[in-house]
Amino acid sequence: MTYAHYETARAVLTSLVPVICPPEAVPLAAAIVDHIALTFGATPALLQQVLPIGFLAYDVGALPRYGRRARALVPEQAEAY
């Protein structure tokens, strides 16, 4: 099985780069997210199947508190979330 990010996973991971990585890594967000896909591709097939569910849960989990999905949060909200 070859892992590829779903649109939601890619959007969530891209939105997390400024939160998790140092500021100088932000311009490399696409490359970082691509590398994560390669890393996930080395995981067992079952994990590859459930990862998108986790990314979706994280994304919509911001709705009750912020009224928007996690991928659309402003930097201060993303940091707090």
N, C-alpha and C. Protein backbone atom coordinates (compact mmCIF):
# COMPACT_ATOMS: atom_id res chain seq x y z
N MET A 1 0.85 -1.18 0.00
CA MET A 1 0.00 0.00 0.00
C MET A 1 0.89 1.24 0.00
N THR A 2 0.58 2.18 -0.86
CA THR A 2 1.31 3.42 -0.94
C THR A 2 0.49 4.51 -0.27
N TYR A 3 1.08 5.15 0.72
CA TYR A 3 0.36 6.19 1.46
C TYR A 3 0.44 7.50 0.69
N ALA A 4 -0.68 8.21 0.63
CA ALA A 4 -0.73 9.58 0.10
C ALA A 4 -1.70 10.35 0.99
N HIS A 5 -1.33 11.56 1.34
CA HIS A 5 -2.21 12.38 2.18
C HIS A 5 -3.52 12.68 1.48
N TYR A 6 -4.62 12.60 2.23
CA TYR A 6 -5.90 13.14 1.75
C TYR A 6 -5.80 14.65 1.86
N GLU A 7 -6.70 15.35 1.21
CA GLU A 7 -6.68 16.81 1.21
C GLU A 7 -6.71 17.38 2.63
N THR A 8 -7.55 16.80 3.49
CA THR A 8 -7.64 17.28 4.87
C THR A 8 -6.33 17.09 5.62
N ALA A 9 -5.73 15.92 5.47
CA ALA A 9 -4.46 15.65 6.16
C ALA A 9 -3.38 16.63 5.70
N ARG A 10 -3.30 16.85 4.40
CA ARG A 10 -2.30 17.79 3.87
C ARG A 10 -2.53 19.19 4.42
N ALA A 11 -3.79 19.62 4.46
CA ALA A 11 -4.10 20.96 4.95
C ALA A 11 -3.78 21.09 6.44
N VAL A 12 -4.13 20.07 7.21
CA VAL A 12 -3.85 20.11 8.65
C VAL A 12 -2.34 20.12 8.90
N LEU A 13 -1.63 19.24 8.24
CA LEU A 13 -0.18 19.19 8.45
C LEU A 13 0.50 20.49 8.03
N THR A 14 0.05 21.06 6.92
CA THR A 14 0.62 22.33 6.47
C THR A 14 0.35 23.42 7.49
N SER A 15 -0.84 23.42 8.09
CA SER A 15 -1.16 24.44 9.08
C SER A 15 -0.38 24.25 10.38
N LEU A 16 0.09 23.03 10.62
CA LEU A 16 0.85 22.77 11.84
C LEU A 16 2.34 23.13 11.73
N VAL A 17 2.84 23.26 10.52
CA VAL A 17 4.27 23.57 10.36
C VAL A 17 4.66 24.84 11.11
N PRO A 18 3.92 25.96 10.99
CA PRO A 18 4.33 27.16 11.74
C PRO A 18 4.19 27.00 13.26
N VAL A 19 3.37 26.06 13.70
CA VAL A 19 3.16 25.85 15.13
C VAL A 19 4.27 24.98 15.72
N ILE A 20 4.67 23.95 14.98
CA ILE A 20 5.60 22.96 15.49
C ILE A 20 7.06 23.27 15.15
N CYS A 21 7.26 23.77 13.94
CA CYS A 21 8.63 23.97 13.43
C CYS A 21 9.12 25.39 13.70
N PRO A 22 10.43 25.59 13.64
CA PRO A 22 10.96 26.95 13.79
C PRO A 22 10.54 27.82 12.60
N PRO A 23 10.53 29.14 12.78
CA PRO A 23 10.06 30.05 11.73
C PRO A 23 10.75 29.86 10.38
N GLU A 24 12.02 29.53 10.40
CA GLU A 24 12.73 29.39 9.12
C GLU A 24 12.28 28.16 8.32
N ALA A 25 11.51 27.27 8.93
CA ALA A 25 11.02 26.09 8.23
C ALA A 25 9.70 26.35 7.49
N VAL A 26 9.03 27.44 7.80
CA VAL A 26 7.72 27.71 7.20
C VAL A 26 7.76 27.72 5.67
N PRO A 27 8.77 28.33 5.02
CA PRO A 27 8.80 28.27 3.56
C PRO A 27 8.96 26.85 3.01
N LEU A 28 9.38 25.93 3.84
CA LEU A 28 9.59 24.54 3.42
C LEU A 28 8.40 23.65 3.76
N ALA A 29 7.26 24.26 4.09
CA ALA A 29 6.10 23.49 4.56
C ALA A 29 5.70 22.39 3.60
N ALA A 30 5.64 22.65 2.32
CA ALA A 30 5.22 21.63 1.34
C ALA A 30 6.19 20.45 1.35
N ALA A 31 7.47 20.74 1.40
CA ALA A 31 8.47 19.67 1.43
C ALA A 31 8.39 18.87 2.72
N ILE A 32 8.13 19.55 3.82
CA ILE A 32 8.00 18.86 5.11
C ILE A 32 6.80 17.93 5.09
N VAL A 33 5.68 18.41 4.57
CA VAL A 33 4.47 17.59 4.49
C VAL A 33 4.68 16.40 3.55
N ASP A 34 5.39 16.62 2.45
CA ASP A 34 5.71 15.51 1.54
C ASP A 34 6.57 14.47 2.25
N HIS A 35 7.52 14.92 3.05
CA HIS A 35 8.39 13.99 3.78
C HIS A 35 7.58 13.19 4.81
N ILE A 36 6.63 13.84 5.44
CA ILE A 36 5.76 13.14 6.39
C ILE A 36 5.00 12.03 5.68
N ALA A 37 4.56 12.28 4.45
CA ALA A 37 3.86 11.24 3.68
C ALA A 37 4.78 10.05 3.45
N LEU A 38 6.03 10.31 3.15
CA LEU A 38 6.99 9.21 2.96
C LEU A 38 7.17 8.43 4.26
N THR A 39 7.24 9.15 5.37
CA THR A 39 7.39 8.50 6.67
C THR A 39 6.17 7.64 6.98
N PHE A 40 4.99 8.19 6.78
CA PHE A 40 3.76 7.42 7.02
C PHE A 40 3.67 6.22 6.08
N GLY A 41 4.24 6.34 4.90
CA GLY A 41 4.25 5.23 3.95
C GLY A 41 5.03 4.03 4.46
N ALA A 42 5.90 4.25 5.42
CA ALA A 42 6.70 3.16 6.00
C ALA A 42 6.01 2.52 7.20
N THR A 43 4.84 3.01 7.56
CA THR A 43 4.12 2.46 8.71
C THR A 43 3.22 1.30 8.25
N PRO A 44 2.77 0.48 9.19
CA PRO A 44 1.88 -0.62 8.83
C PRO A 44 0.59 -0.12 8.15
N ALA A 45 0.04 -0.94 7.29
CA ALA A 45 -1.14 -0.57 6.50
C ALA A 45 -2.30 -0.13 7.38
N LEU A 46 -2.52 -0.79 8.50
CA LEU A 46 -3.63 -0.41 9.36
C LEU A 46 -3.47 1.03 9.86
N LEU A 47 -2.27 1.40 10.25
CA LEU A 47 -2.03 2.76 10.70
C LEU A 47 -2.26 3.75 9.57
N GLN A 48 -1.85 3.40 8.37
CA GLN A 48 -2.06 4.27 7.22
C GLN A 48 -3.55 4.50 6.97
N GLN A 49 -4.37 3.53 7.29
CA GLN A 49 -5.80 3.66 7.08
C GLN A 49 -6.47 4.53 8.13
N VAL A 50 -5.95 4.54 9.34
CA VAL A 50 -6.59 5.31 10.41
C VAL A 50 -6.02 6.73 10.57
N LEU A 51 -4.85 7.00 10.02
CA LEU A 51 -4.27 8.34 10.12
C LEU A 51 -5.22 9.42 9.60
N PRO A 52 -5.85 9.24 8.45
CA PRO A 52 -6.76 10.28 7.96
C PRO A 52 -7.91 10.57 8.93
N ILE A 53 -8.36 9.58 9.66
CA ILE A 53 -9.42 9.79 10.64
C ILE A 53 -8.92 10.70 11.76
N GLY A 54 -7.70 10.47 12.20
CA GLY A 54 -7.11 11.31 13.23
C GLY A 54 -6.94 12.76 12.78
N PHE A 55 -6.50 12.95 11.54
CA PHE A 55 -6.34 14.32 11.04
C PHE A 55 -7.70 15.01 10.91
N LEU A 56 -8.71 14.29 10.47
CA LEU A 56 -10.05 14.86 10.37
C LEU A 56 -10.58 15.23 11.76
N ALA A 57 -10.38 14.34 12.73
CA ALA A 57 -10.84 14.61 14.10
C ALA A 57 -10.14 15.85 14.67
N TYR A 58 -8.85 15.97 14.44
CA TYR A 58 -8.11 17.15 14.91
C TYR A 58 -8.66 18.40 14.23
N ASP A 59 -8.90 18.32 12.93
CA ASP A 59 -9.35 19.47 12.15
C ASP A 59 -10.71 19.97 12.63
N VAL A 60 -11.68 19.08 12.74
CA VAL A 60 -13.04 19.51 13.14
C VAL A 60 -13.15 19.72 14.65
N GLY A 61 -12.18 19.22 15.41
CA GLY A 61 -12.20 19.41 16.85
C GLY A 61 -12.10 20.86 17.27
N ALA A 62 -11.60 21.71 16.39
CA ALA A 62 -11.48 23.13 16.70
C ALA A 62 -12.81 23.88 16.54
N LEU A 63 -13.77 23.27 15.86
CA LEU A 63 -15.04 23.95 15.58
C LEU A 63 -15.77 24.44 16.83
N PRO A 64 -15.96 23.62 17.85
CA PRO A 64 -16.72 24.10 19.01
C PRO A 64 -16.10 25.33 19.70
N ARG A 65 -14.81 25.36 19.77
CA ARG A 65 -14.14 26.45 20.49
C ARG A 65 -13.90 27.68 19.62
N TYR A 66 -13.51 27.45 18.36
CA TYR A 66 -13.09 28.57 17.51
C TYR A 66 -14.04 28.88 16.36
N GLY A 67 -15.02 28.00 16.12
CA GLY A 67 -15.96 28.24 15.03
C GLY A 67 -15.38 28.05 13.65
N ARG A 68 -14.23 27.45 13.57
CA ARG A 68 -13.59 27.13 12.29
C ARG A 68 -12.71 25.92 12.46
N ARG A 69 -12.38 25.29 11.35
CA ARG A 69 -11.54 24.10 11.40
C ARG A 69 -10.12 24.49 11.80
N ALA A 70 -9.39 23.54 12.33
CA ALA A 70 -8.02 23.80 12.82
C ALA A 70 -7.13 24.36 11.72
N ARG A 71 -7.29 23.88 10.52
CA ARG A 71 -6.43 24.34 9.42
C ARG A 71 -6.65 25.80 9.07
N ALA A 72 -7.76 26.39 9.52
CA ALA A 72 -8.09 27.78 9.20
C ALA A 72 -7.87 28.74 10.37
N LEU A 73 -7.29 28.25 11.45
CA LEU A 73 -7.07 29.10 12.61
C LEU A 73 -5.96 30.12 12.36
N VAL A 74 -6.11 31.29 12.95
CA VAL A 74 -5.03 32.27 12.89
C VAL A 74 -3.89 31.77 13.78
N PRO A 75 -2.68 32.25 13.58
CA PRO A 75 -1.53 31.70 14.32
C PRO A 75 -1.70 31.62 15.83
N GLU A 76 -2.27 32.64 16.44
CA GLU A 76 -2.42 32.63 17.90
C GLU A 76 -3.39 31.53 18.34
N GLN A 77 -4.46 31.35 17.58
CA GLN A 77 -5.42 30.30 17.89
C GLN A 77 -4.80 28.92 17.65
N ALA A 78 -4.07 28.79 16.56
CA ALA A 78 -3.44 27.50 16.25
C ALA A 78 -2.46 27.11 17.34
N GLU A 79 -1.72 28.06 17.84
CA GLU A 79 -0.77 27.80 18.91
C GLU A 79 -1.49 27.36 20.18
N ALA A 80 -2.60 28.02 20.48
CA ALA A 80 -3.36 27.67 21.68
C ALA A 80 -4.05 26.32 21.52
N TYR A 81 -4.54 26.01 20.33
CA TYR A 81 -5.24 24.77 20.09
C TYR A 81 -4.29 23.60 20.14
